[in-house]
Amino acid sequence: MPPPTTVTVVSSYEQEFLGLRAIQDYRVINLWEVDAEIVFQQPIPSLLPFVPILRGGGEASVVQRALQTLRADAQFNQLESLLAFFASFVLETPLVQQIMRWDMTVLRESPWYEEILTEGKELGLQQGLEQGARRQLIRVLQQRFGEVPPSVVASLESASVEQLENFMDAAISVSSLTEFLTFLSDEKAPEQ
C-alpha cells in the first residue's frame, strides 16, 4: 500500500552543524514493493510483523501464516502485537482479532497482563494504558538498539497514549537510537 502521490519518499539526509555539512544518501526499500513470499522462503523472521503491508501480504491466509511462523519462534513470538497493528491497516478489526485469536486466555498469558491490570486498578484506566504503551515502546527500543538511557525513559513519563503511539511508529521506522532521540526532541519541542 504505497503512500499517496503527494508524499515524497526521501532517499538522503542532510544536516548542518557548527559549519559542517553532512550528507547521507541511502537506498529506500519500499515495503509495499517487497513480495511477502520472500519473507517465508528466505526465511526473514524479523520482517514477519510487516507481512500485511508487503506485496501480496494483505490476505487473511497470509497473515495467519505469518502469525503461525511468529508463534513458532521463541525469539520473535512477542512481535505478535506488531503484526496485528500492521494487519489492521489492510483487514477489518474483527477479522484481525479472529486471526490473532485474542481472547482473555491469550491476554492473561501475556507477560504484561498482570502489570497492566494492577497498574490499571491503581492508577486508573488511562494511566494504566499509558504505562503499558510506554513499556511496549521501551521494549521495542531495547530490542532494536540495546540499552535505553534513563534520560530517554524519563522523557517518556509525561507522554500521552497518542504521543506514545507516534513515538512507537518512529521507534519502528528509525535506523538508530540517535535518530529516535532527534524525533523525540522535535516532537517535544512545541510543548516547551
N, C-alpha and C. Protein backbone atom coordinates (compact mmCIF):
# COMPACT_ATOMS: atom_id res chain seq x y z
N MET A 1 0.83 -1.17 0.00
CA MET A 1 0.00 0.00 0.00
C MET A 1 0.88 1.24 0.00
N PRO A 2 1.23 1.69 -1.19
CA PRO A 2 2.08 2.86 -1.31
C PRO A 2 1.40 4.11 -0.77
N PRO A 3 2.19 5.09 -0.36
CA PRO A 3 1.60 6.34 0.13
C PRO A 3 0.98 7.11 -1.02
N PRO A 4 0.19 8.13 -0.71
CA PRO A 4 -0.38 8.95 -1.79
C PRO A 4 0.74 9.58 -2.62
N THR A 5 0.42 9.93 -3.85
CA THR A 5 1.43 10.51 -4.74
C THR A 5 1.94 11.85 -4.24
N THR A 6 1.23 12.46 -3.31
CA THR A 6 1.68 13.74 -2.75
C THR A 6 2.81 13.57 -1.74
N VAL A 7 3.05 12.32 -1.30
CA VAL A 7 4.11 12.04 -0.33
C VAL A 7 5.39 11.68 -1.07
N THR A 8 6.47 12.34 -0.70
CA THR A 8 7.77 12.07 -1.30
C THR A 8 8.56 11.14 -0.38
N VAL A 9 9.06 10.06 -0.93
CA VAL A 9 9.89 9.13 -0.17
C VAL A 9 11.33 9.64 -0.28
N VAL A 10 11.88 10.08 0.82
CA VAL A 10 13.20 10.71 0.85
C VAL A 10 14.29 9.65 0.77
N SER A 11 15.36 9.93 0.03
CA SER A 11 16.45 8.97 -0.10
C SER A 11 17.81 9.56 0.29
N SER A 12 17.78 10.66 1.03
CA SER A 12 19.03 11.22 1.54
C SER A 12 18.74 12.04 2.80
N TYR A 13 19.79 12.25 3.56
CA TYR A 13 19.68 13.00 4.81
C TYR A 13 20.78 14.06 4.81
N GLU A 14 20.42 15.29 5.10
CA GLU A 14 21.39 16.37 5.17
C GLU A 14 21.26 17.07 6.51
N GLN A 15 22.40 17.41 7.09
CA GLN A 15 22.41 18.09 8.38
C GLN A 15 23.60 19.03 8.42
N GLU A 16 23.40 20.23 8.91
CA GLU A 16 24.50 21.16 9.08
C GLU A 16 24.64 21.46 10.56
N PHE A 17 25.89 21.35 11.04
CA PHE A 17 26.14 21.54 12.46
C PHE A 17 27.53 22.16 12.62
N LEU A 18 27.57 23.31 13.29
CA LEU A 18 28.83 24.01 13.54
C LEU A 18 29.64 24.22 12.26
N GLY A 19 28.95 24.58 11.19
CA GLY A 19 29.62 24.87 9.94
C GLY A 19 29.98 23.65 9.11
N LEU A 20 29.72 22.46 9.63
CA LEU A 20 29.99 21.24 8.88
C LEU A 20 28.69 20.74 8.26
N ARG A 21 28.78 20.25 7.07
CA ARG A 21 27.59 19.74 6.39
C ARG A 21 27.76 18.25 6.14
N ALA A 22 26.83 17.49 6.63
CA ALA A 22 26.86 16.04 6.44
C ALA A 22 25.72 15.65 5.49
N ILE A 23 26.05 14.83 4.52
CA ILE A 23 25.05 14.33 3.58
C ILE A 23 25.16 12.81 3.54
N GLN A 24 24.03 12.15 3.69
CA GLN A 24 23.99 10.69 3.63
C GLN A 24 22.92 10.27 2.63
N ASP A 25 23.34 9.67 1.54
CA ASP A 25 22.39 9.11 0.58
C ASP A 25 22.18 7.65 0.93
N TYR A 26 20.99 7.15 0.75
CA TYR A 26 20.69 5.76 1.05
C TYR A 26 19.63 5.24 0.09
N ARG A 27 19.57 3.94 0.00
CA ARG A 27 18.57 3.29 -0.85
C ARG A 27 17.35 2.96 0.00
N VAL A 28 16.21 3.42 -0.41
CA VAL A 28 14.97 3.16 0.31
C VAL A 28 14.35 1.88 -0.24
N ILE A 29 14.01 0.98 0.65
CA ILE A 29 13.32 -0.24 0.24
C ILE A 29 11.85 -0.06 0.62
N ASN A 30 11.02 0.11 -0.37
CA ASN A 30 9.60 0.30 -0.13
C ASN A 30 8.97 -1.05 0.19
N LEU A 31 8.45 -1.19 1.40
CA LEU A 31 7.90 -2.47 1.82
C LEU A 31 6.78 -2.94 0.92
N TRP A 32 5.99 -2.02 0.41
CA TRP A 32 4.87 -2.42 -0.44
C TRP A 32 5.33 -3.02 -1.77
N GLU A 33 6.63 -2.87 -2.08
CA GLU A 33 7.18 -3.46 -3.31
C GLU A 33 7.84 -4.82 -3.05
N VAL A 34 8.03 -5.19 -1.79
CA VAL A 34 8.67 -6.45 -1.43
C VAL A 34 7.60 -7.55 -1.42
N ASP A 35 7.87 -8.66 -2.08
CA ASP A 35 6.93 -9.77 -2.14
C ASP A 35 6.89 -10.48 -0.78
N ALA A 36 5.72 -10.63 -0.21
CA ALA A 36 5.56 -11.26 1.10
C ALA A 36 6.12 -12.68 1.12
N GLU A 37 6.06 -13.36 0.02
CA GLU A 37 6.51 -14.75 -0.05
C GLU A 37 8.01 -14.87 0.26
N ILE A 38 8.78 -13.84 -0.04
CA ILE A 38 10.22 -13.85 0.23
C ILE A 38 10.49 -14.01 1.73
N VAL A 39 9.65 -13.39 2.54
CA VAL A 39 9.82 -13.47 4.00
C VAL A 39 9.72 -14.91 4.48
N PHE A 40 8.85 -15.69 3.86
CA PHE A 40 8.68 -17.08 4.26
C PHE A 40 9.75 -17.98 3.63
N GLN A 41 10.14 -17.70 2.41
CA GLN A 41 11.09 -18.57 1.71
C GLN A 41 12.51 -18.41 2.21
N GLN A 42 12.92 -17.19 2.57
CA GLN A 42 14.33 -16.93 2.90
C GLN A 42 14.83 -17.72 4.11
N PRO A 43 14.27 -17.84 5.26
CA PRO A 43 13.23 -17.01 5.87
C PRO A 43 13.85 -15.75 6.48
N ILE A 44 13.01 -14.72 6.65
CA ILE A 44 13.43 -13.46 7.27
C ILE A 44 12.44 -13.16 8.40
N PRO A 45 12.60 -13.81 9.56
CA PRO A 45 11.61 -13.67 10.63
C PRO A 45 11.43 -12.25 11.15
N SER A 46 12.45 -11.42 11.06
CA SER A 46 12.31 -10.04 11.55
C SER A 46 11.34 -9.22 10.72
N LEU A 47 11.02 -9.68 9.50
CA LEU A 47 10.05 -8.98 8.66
C LEU A 47 8.63 -9.53 8.79
N LEU A 48 8.46 -10.60 9.55
CA LEU A 48 7.13 -11.21 9.70
C LEU A 48 6.06 -10.22 10.17
N PRO A 49 6.32 -9.33 11.13
CA PRO A 49 5.27 -8.40 11.54
C PRO A 49 4.82 -7.47 10.42
N PHE A 50 5.67 -7.26 9.41
CA PHE A 50 5.37 -6.35 8.32
C PHE A 50 4.66 -7.03 7.14
N VAL A 51 4.47 -8.34 7.21
CA VAL A 51 3.87 -9.10 6.11
C VAL A 51 2.57 -8.47 5.60
N PRO A 52 1.66 -7.99 6.45
CA PRO A 52 0.40 -7.45 5.92
C PRO A 52 0.57 -6.27 4.97
N ILE A 53 1.66 -5.52 5.10
CA ILE A 53 1.84 -4.36 4.23
C ILE A 53 2.80 -4.64 3.07
N LEU A 54 3.29 -5.89 2.98
CA LEU A 54 4.12 -6.28 1.85
C LEU A 54 3.22 -6.64 0.67
N ARG A 55 3.80 -6.69 -0.53
CA ARG A 55 3.02 -7.05 -1.72
C ARG A 55 2.51 -8.48 -1.58
N GLY A 56 1.20 -8.63 -1.67
CA GLY A 56 0.58 -9.94 -1.56
C GLY A 56 0.37 -10.40 -0.12
N GLY A 57 0.66 -9.55 0.84
CA GLY A 57 0.56 -9.95 2.24
C GLY A 57 -0.73 -9.54 2.93
N GLY A 58 -1.60 -8.85 2.23
CA GLY A 58 -2.82 -8.34 2.84
C GLY A 58 -3.98 -9.31 2.89
N GLU A 59 -3.73 -10.57 2.59
CA GLU A 59 -4.78 -11.59 2.64
C GLU A 59 -4.80 -12.24 4.02
N ALA A 60 -5.97 -12.61 4.50
CA ALA A 60 -6.10 -13.23 5.82
C ALA A 60 -5.24 -14.48 5.94
N SER A 61 -5.19 -15.29 4.89
CA SER A 61 -4.43 -16.54 4.96
C SER A 61 -2.93 -16.27 5.09
N VAL A 62 -2.44 -15.20 4.46
CA VAL A 62 -1.02 -14.86 4.55
C VAL A 62 -0.70 -14.33 5.94
N VAL A 63 -1.60 -13.53 6.51
CA VAL A 63 -1.41 -13.02 7.87
C VAL A 63 -1.42 -14.18 8.87
N GLN A 64 -2.32 -15.14 8.66
CA GLN A 64 -2.35 -16.33 9.53
C GLN A 64 -1.04 -17.10 9.45
N ARG A 65 -0.51 -17.23 8.25
CA ARG A 65 0.76 -17.93 8.07
C ARG A 65 1.89 -17.20 8.80
N ALA A 66 1.91 -15.87 8.69
CA ALA A 66 2.92 -15.07 9.39
C ALA A 66 2.78 -15.24 10.91
N LEU A 67 1.54 -15.25 11.38
CA LEU A 67 1.29 -15.42 12.81
C LEU A 67 1.80 -16.78 13.29
N GLN A 68 1.50 -17.84 12.55
CA GLN A 68 1.96 -19.18 12.95
C GLN A 68 3.47 -19.25 12.97
N THR A 69 4.12 -18.63 12.00
CA THR A 69 5.58 -18.63 11.96
C THR A 69 6.15 -17.85 13.13
N LEU A 70 5.54 -16.70 13.45
CA LEU A 70 5.99 -15.91 14.60
C LEU A 70 5.85 -16.68 15.90
N ARG A 71 4.69 -17.31 16.08
CA ARG A 71 4.43 -18.03 17.32
C ARG A 71 5.34 -19.24 17.49
N ALA A 72 5.86 -19.77 16.38
CA ALA A 72 6.74 -20.95 16.45
C ALA A 72 8.16 -20.59 16.85
N ASP A 73 8.50 -19.31 16.81
CA ASP A 73 9.87 -18.87 17.11
C ASP A 73 9.88 -18.10 18.43
N ALA A 74 10.49 -18.67 19.45
CA ALA A 74 10.50 -18.05 20.77
C ALA A 74 11.13 -16.67 20.76
N GLN A 75 12.06 -16.44 19.85
CA GLN A 75 12.74 -15.15 19.77
C GLN A 75 11.84 -14.05 19.21
N PHE A 76 10.91 -14.42 18.35
CA PHE A 76 10.10 -13.42 17.66
C PHE A 76 8.62 -13.45 18.04
N ASN A 77 8.19 -14.40 18.87
CA ASN A 77 6.75 -14.52 19.12
C ASN A 77 6.15 -13.32 19.86
N GLN A 78 6.98 -12.49 20.46
CA GLN A 78 6.44 -11.31 21.14
C GLN A 78 6.16 -10.17 20.18
N LEU A 79 6.43 -10.36 18.91
CA LEU A 79 6.13 -9.35 17.90
C LEU A 79 4.72 -9.52 17.34
N GLU A 80 3.94 -10.38 17.96
CA GLU A 80 2.58 -10.65 17.52
C GLU A 80 1.73 -9.38 17.50
N SER A 81 1.87 -8.52 18.50
CA SER A 81 1.07 -7.30 18.55
C SER A 81 1.44 -6.36 17.41
N LEU A 82 2.70 -6.37 17.00
CA LEU A 82 3.12 -5.55 15.87
C LEU A 82 2.51 -6.08 14.57
N LEU A 83 2.45 -7.39 14.42
CA LEU A 83 1.79 -7.99 13.27
C LEU A 83 0.32 -7.57 13.23
N ALA A 84 -0.35 -7.61 14.37
CA ALA A 84 -1.76 -7.21 14.45
C ALA A 84 -1.93 -5.74 14.07
N PHE A 85 -0.99 -4.91 14.51
CA PHE A 85 -1.02 -3.48 14.19
C PHE A 85 -1.02 -3.27 12.68
N PHE A 86 -0.07 -3.91 11.98
CA PHE A 86 0.01 -3.73 10.54
C PHE A 86 -1.14 -4.43 9.82
N ALA A 87 -1.62 -5.53 10.35
CA ALA A 87 -2.77 -6.22 9.74
C ALA A 87 -4.01 -5.33 9.79
N SER A 88 -4.12 -4.50 10.82
CA SER A 88 -5.29 -3.64 10.96
C SER A 88 -5.36 -2.57 9.86
N PHE A 89 -4.25 -2.33 9.14
CA PHE A 89 -4.27 -1.40 8.02
C PHE A 89 -4.94 -1.99 6.79
N VAL A 90 -4.92 -3.32 6.67
CA VAL A 90 -5.41 -3.95 5.44
C VAL A 90 -6.61 -4.86 5.66
N LEU A 91 -6.89 -5.21 6.90
CA LEU A 91 -8.02 -6.10 7.20
C LEU A 91 -8.93 -5.44 8.24
N GLU A 92 -10.17 -5.84 8.26
CA GLU A 92 -11.11 -5.33 9.25
C GLU A 92 -10.71 -5.79 10.66
N THR A 93 -10.93 -4.94 11.65
CA THR A 93 -10.53 -5.24 13.03
C THR A 93 -11.09 -6.56 13.54
N PRO A 94 -12.39 -6.87 13.34
CA PRO A 94 -12.89 -8.16 13.83
C PRO A 94 -12.15 -9.35 13.21
N LEU A 95 -11.78 -9.23 11.92
CA LEU A 95 -11.05 -10.30 11.26
C LEU A 95 -9.65 -10.43 11.85
N VAL A 96 -9.01 -9.31 12.12
CA VAL A 96 -7.67 -9.34 12.75
C VAL A 96 -7.78 -10.02 14.11
N GLN A 97 -8.78 -9.65 14.90
CA GLN A 97 -8.97 -10.27 16.22
C GLN A 97 -9.22 -11.77 16.08
N GLN A 98 -9.98 -12.15 15.07
CA GLN A 98 -10.27 -13.57 14.85
C GLN A 98 -8.98 -14.31 14.47
N ILE A 99 -8.21 -13.73 13.56
CA ILE A 99 -6.95 -14.35 13.15
C ILE A 99 -6.00 -14.50 14.33
N MET A 100 -5.89 -13.43 15.11
CA MET A 100 -4.97 -13.44 16.24
C MET A 100 -5.51 -14.30 17.40
N ARG A 101 -6.83 -14.58 17.34
CA ARG A 101 -7.49 -15.34 18.41
C ARG A 101 -7.19 -14.71 19.77
N TRP A 102 -7.29 -13.39 19.82
CA TRP A 102 -7.06 -12.70 21.07
C TRP A 102 -8.32 -12.78 21.91
N ASP A 103 -8.21 -13.47 22.97
CA ASP A 103 -9.29 -13.52 23.93
C ASP A 103 -8.67 -13.38 25.31
N MET A 104 -9.46 -13.49 26.35
CA MET A 104 -8.94 -13.28 27.70
C MET A 104 -7.86 -14.30 28.05
N THR A 105 -7.95 -15.51 27.53
CA THR A 105 -6.93 -16.51 27.83
C THR A 105 -5.58 -16.08 27.27
N VAL A 106 -5.57 -15.62 26.01
CA VAL A 106 -4.32 -15.17 25.40
C VAL A 106 -3.79 -13.95 26.15
N LEU A 107 -4.68 -13.01 26.49
CA LEU A 107 -4.24 -11.83 27.21
C LEU A 107 -3.65 -12.17 28.57
N ARG A 108 -4.27 -13.11 29.26
CA ARG A 108 -3.77 -13.49 30.60
C ARG A 108 -2.38 -14.13 30.51
N GLU A 109 -2.07 -14.75 29.37
CA GLU A 109 -0.76 -15.37 29.20
C GLU A 109 0.31 -14.34 28.84
N SER A 110 -0.11 -13.12 28.51
CA SER A 110 0.84 -12.07 28.16
C SER A 110 1.68 -11.70 29.37
N PRO A 111 2.98 -11.48 29.19
CA PRO A 111 3.84 -11.11 30.32
C PRO A 111 3.47 -9.76 30.92
N TRP A 112 2.75 -8.94 30.18
CA TRP A 112 2.41 -7.62 30.69
C TRP A 112 1.03 -7.58 31.35
N TYR A 113 0.26 -8.64 31.23
CA TYR A 113 -1.13 -8.62 31.69
C TYR A 113 -1.25 -8.23 33.16
N GLU A 114 -0.55 -8.94 34.03
CA GLU A 114 -0.65 -8.65 35.46
C GLU A 114 -0.20 -7.24 35.80
N GLU A 115 0.90 -6.81 35.18
CA GLU A 115 1.39 -5.47 35.45
C GLU A 115 0.39 -4.40 35.02
N ILE A 116 -0.14 -4.56 33.82
CA ILE A 116 -1.10 -3.58 33.31
C ILE A 116 -2.38 -3.62 34.14
N LEU A 117 -2.84 -4.80 34.49
CA LEU A 117 -4.04 -4.94 35.28
C LEU A 117 -3.87 -4.27 36.64
N THR A 118 -2.77 -4.57 37.32
CA THR A 118 -2.51 -3.99 38.64
C THR A 118 -2.39 -2.48 38.56
N GLU A 119 -1.59 -2.01 37.61
CA GLU A 119 -1.42 -0.57 37.49
C GLU A 119 -2.70 0.10 37.03
N GLY A 120 -3.48 -0.58 36.20
CA GLY A 120 -4.75 -0.02 35.76
C GLY A 120 -5.69 0.21 36.92
N LYS A 121 -5.70 -0.72 37.89
CA LYS A 121 -6.54 -0.56 39.07
C LYS A 121 -6.04 0.57 39.96
N GLU A 122 -4.72 0.64 40.11
CA GLU A 122 -4.14 1.64 41.00
C GLU A 122 -4.16 3.05 40.39
N LEU A 123 -3.87 3.15 39.14
CA LEU A 123 -3.70 4.47 38.52
C LEU A 123 -4.89 4.91 37.68
N GLY A 124 -5.82 4.03 37.48
CA GLY A 124 -6.94 4.35 36.60
C GLY A 124 -6.66 3.83 35.21
N LEU A 125 -7.69 3.64 34.46
CA LEU A 125 -7.56 3.03 33.14
C LEU A 125 -6.63 3.81 32.22
N GLN A 126 -6.79 5.13 32.15
CA GLN A 126 -5.96 5.93 31.24
C GLN A 126 -4.49 5.82 31.59
N GLN A 127 -4.17 5.97 32.86
CA GLN A 127 -2.77 5.89 33.26
C GLN A 127 -2.23 4.48 33.05
N GLY A 128 -3.06 3.47 33.26
CA GLY A 128 -2.63 2.10 33.02
C GLY A 128 -2.31 1.87 31.55
N LEU A 129 -3.14 2.43 30.67
CA LEU A 129 -2.89 2.32 29.24
C LEU A 129 -1.60 3.04 28.86
N GLU A 130 -1.40 4.23 29.44
CA GLU A 130 -0.16 4.98 29.17
C GLU A 130 1.06 4.19 29.61
N GLN A 131 0.99 3.63 30.81
CA GLN A 131 2.13 2.87 31.33
C GLN A 131 2.41 1.64 30.46
N GLY A 132 1.35 0.96 30.03
CA GLY A 132 1.53 -0.21 29.17
C GLY A 132 2.13 0.18 27.82
N ALA A 133 1.64 1.26 27.24
CA ALA A 133 2.17 1.74 25.96
C ALA A 133 3.63 2.17 26.12
N ARG A 134 3.95 2.82 27.23
CA ARG A 134 5.32 3.26 27.49
C ARG A 134 6.26 2.05 27.60
N ARG A 135 5.83 1.03 28.30
CA ARG A 135 6.66 -0.19 28.45
C ARG A 135 6.87 -0.87 27.10
N GLN A 136 5.81 -0.93 26.30
CA GLN A 136 5.94 -1.53 24.96
C GLN A 136 6.96 -0.75 24.13
N LEU A 137 6.87 0.58 24.19
CA LEU A 137 7.79 1.43 23.43
C LEU A 137 9.23 1.22 23.88
N ILE A 138 9.45 1.20 25.18
CA ILE A 138 10.80 1.00 25.72
C ILE A 138 11.32 -0.38 25.32
N ARG A 139 10.44 -1.37 25.35
CA ARG A 139 10.84 -2.73 24.96
C ARG A 139 11.27 -2.79 23.49
N VAL A 140 10.50 -2.12 22.61
CA VAL A 140 10.86 -2.09 21.19
C VAL A 140 12.22 -1.40 21.02
N LEU A 141 12.41 -0.27 21.72
CA LEU A 141 13.69 0.43 21.63
C LEU A 141 14.84 -0.45 22.12
N GLN A 142 14.62 -1.18 23.22
CA GLN A 142 15.67 -2.07 23.74
C GLN A 142 15.98 -3.20 22.76
N GLN A 143 14.95 -3.78 22.17
CA GLN A 143 15.17 -4.89 21.24
C GLN A 143 15.87 -4.43 19.98
N ARG A 144 15.58 -3.20 19.54
CA ARG A 144 16.20 -2.71 18.31
C ARG A 144 17.59 -2.12 18.54
N PHE A 145 17.78 -1.38 19.67
CA PHE A 145 19.01 -0.61 19.82
C PHE A 145 19.80 -0.91 21.09
N GLY A 146 19.35 -1.85 21.91
CA GLY A 146 20.08 -2.18 23.13
C GLY A 146 19.64 -1.29 24.29
N GLU A 147 20.58 -0.96 25.14
CA GLU A 147 20.30 -0.19 26.36
C GLU A 147 19.67 1.17 26.03
N VAL A 148 18.58 1.49 26.72
CA VAL A 148 17.92 2.78 26.56
C VAL A 148 18.30 3.65 27.75
N PRO A 149 18.91 4.82 27.51
CA PRO A 149 19.35 5.68 28.61
C PRO A 149 18.19 6.09 29.51
N PRO A 150 18.43 6.17 30.82
CA PRO A 150 17.37 6.59 31.76
C PRO A 150 16.76 7.94 31.40
N SER A 151 17.54 8.83 30.80
CA SER A 151 17.01 10.14 30.42
C SER A 151 15.91 10.01 29.38
N VAL A 152 16.04 9.01 28.48
CA VAL A 152 15.02 8.78 27.46
C VAL A 152 13.75 8.24 28.13
N VAL A 153 13.93 7.29 29.03
CA VAL A 153 12.79 6.72 29.76
C VAL A 153 12.07 7.83 30.52
N ALA A 154 12.84 8.71 31.18
CA ALA A 154 12.25 9.81 31.95
C ALA A 154 11.48 10.77 31.04
N SER A 155 12.01 11.01 29.84
CA SER A 155 11.34 11.95 28.93
C SER A 155 10.00 11.40 28.42
N LEU A 156 9.81 10.09 28.50
CA LEU A 156 8.56 9.48 28.05
C LEU A 156 7.49 9.47 29.15
N GLU A 157 7.86 9.78 30.37
CA GLU A 157 6.94 9.69 31.50
C GLU A 157 5.69 10.56 31.35
N SER A 158 5.84 11.73 30.76
CA SER A 158 4.70 12.65 30.67
C SER A 158 3.92 12.51 29.35
N ALA A 159 4.31 11.57 28.50
CA ALA A 159 3.67 11.43 27.19
C ALA A 159 2.29 10.80 27.30
N SER A 160 1.38 11.27 26.47
CA SER A 160 0.04 10.69 26.40
C SER A 160 0.07 9.41 25.56
N VAL A 161 -1.02 8.67 25.57
CA VAL A 161 -1.11 7.45 24.76
C VAL A 161 -0.93 7.79 23.28
N GLU A 162 -1.54 8.90 22.84
CA GLU A 162 -1.42 9.30 21.44
C GLU A 162 0.03 9.60 21.09
N GLN A 163 0.73 10.33 21.97
CA GLN A 163 2.14 10.63 21.72
C GLN A 163 2.96 9.34 21.70
N LEU A 164 2.68 8.45 22.64
CA LEU A 164 3.41 7.19 22.70
C LEU A 164 3.20 6.36 21.43
N GLU A 165 2.00 6.42 20.87
CA GLU A 165 1.74 5.72 19.62
C GLU A 165 2.59 6.32 18.49
N ASN A 166 2.68 7.65 18.45
CA ASN A 166 3.55 8.30 17.44
C ASN A 166 5.01 7.92 17.66
N PHE A 167 5.43 7.87 18.93
CA PHE A 167 6.80 7.51 19.24
C PHE A 167 7.07 6.05 18.84
N MET A 168 6.05 5.18 19.01
CA MET A 168 6.20 3.77 18.62
C MET A 168 6.39 3.67 17.11
N ASP A 169 5.61 4.45 16.36
CA ASP A 169 5.76 4.47 14.90
C ASP A 169 7.20 4.85 14.54
N ALA A 170 7.71 5.86 15.22
CA ALA A 170 9.08 6.31 14.95
C ALA A 170 10.09 5.23 15.36
N ALA A 171 9.88 4.60 16.52
CA ALA A 171 10.81 3.58 17.01
C ALA A 171 10.90 2.42 16.03
N ILE A 172 9.82 2.14 15.33
CA ILE A 172 9.80 1.04 14.37
C ILE A 172 10.51 1.45 13.07
N SER A 173 10.40 2.72 12.70
CA SER A 173 10.90 3.12 11.39
C SER A 173 12.31 3.71 11.38
N VAL A 174 12.80 4.24 12.51
CA VAL A 174 14.13 4.84 12.51
C VAL A 174 15.21 3.77 12.45
N SER A 175 16.42 4.20 12.08
CA SER A 175 17.50 3.23 11.94
C SER A 175 18.49 3.26 13.10
N SER A 176 18.32 4.20 14.05
CA SER A 176 19.23 4.26 15.18
C SER A 176 18.54 4.93 16.36
N LEU A 177 19.10 4.73 17.55
CA LEU A 177 18.57 5.38 18.74
C LEU A 177 18.77 6.89 18.62
N THR A 178 19.86 7.31 18.02
CA THR A 178 20.12 8.74 17.83
C THR A 178 19.02 9.37 16.97
N GLU A 179 18.62 8.66 15.91
CA GLU A 179 17.54 9.16 15.06
C GLU A 179 16.23 9.23 15.83
N PHE A 180 15.98 8.26 16.70
CA PHE A 180 14.77 8.29 17.52
C PHE A 180 14.82 9.48 18.48
N LEU A 181 15.97 9.74 19.10
CA LEU A 181 16.12 10.87 20.03
C LEU A 181 15.87 12.19 19.31
N THR A 182 16.32 12.31 18.06
CA THR A 182 16.06 13.51 17.28
C THR A 182 14.56 13.68 17.07
N PHE A 183 13.90 12.60 16.69
CA PHE A 183 12.44 12.63 16.52
C PHE A 183 11.76 13.03 17.82
N LEU A 184 12.18 12.43 18.92
CA LEU A 184 11.59 12.70 20.24
C LEU A 184 11.75 14.17 20.60
N SER A 185 12.94 14.73 20.42
CA SER A 185 13.16 16.14 20.77
C SER A 185 12.36 17.06 19.86
N ASP A 186 12.23 16.69 18.56
CA ASP A 186 11.42 17.50 17.64
C ASP A 186 9.95 17.49 18.04
N GLU A 187 9.45 16.34 18.49
CA GLU A 187 8.05 16.21 18.88
C GLU A 187 7.77 16.93 20.20
N LYS A 188 8.72 16.94 21.10
CA LYS A 188 8.53 17.56 22.41
C LYS A 188 8.74 19.06 22.37
N ALA A 189 9.48 19.57 21.38
CA ALA A 189 9.84 20.99 21.31
C ALA A 189 8.63 21.93 21.34
N PRO A 190 7.53 21.67 20.61
CA PRO A 190 6.40 22.60 20.63
C PRO A 190 5.77 22.77 22.01
N GLU A 191 5.89 21.74 22.87
CA GLU A 191 5.27 21.83 24.19
C GLU A 191 6.02 22.78 25.11
N GLN A 192 7.31 23.00 24.84
CA GLN A 192 8.13 23.80 25.75
C GLN A 192 7.97 25.26 25.52
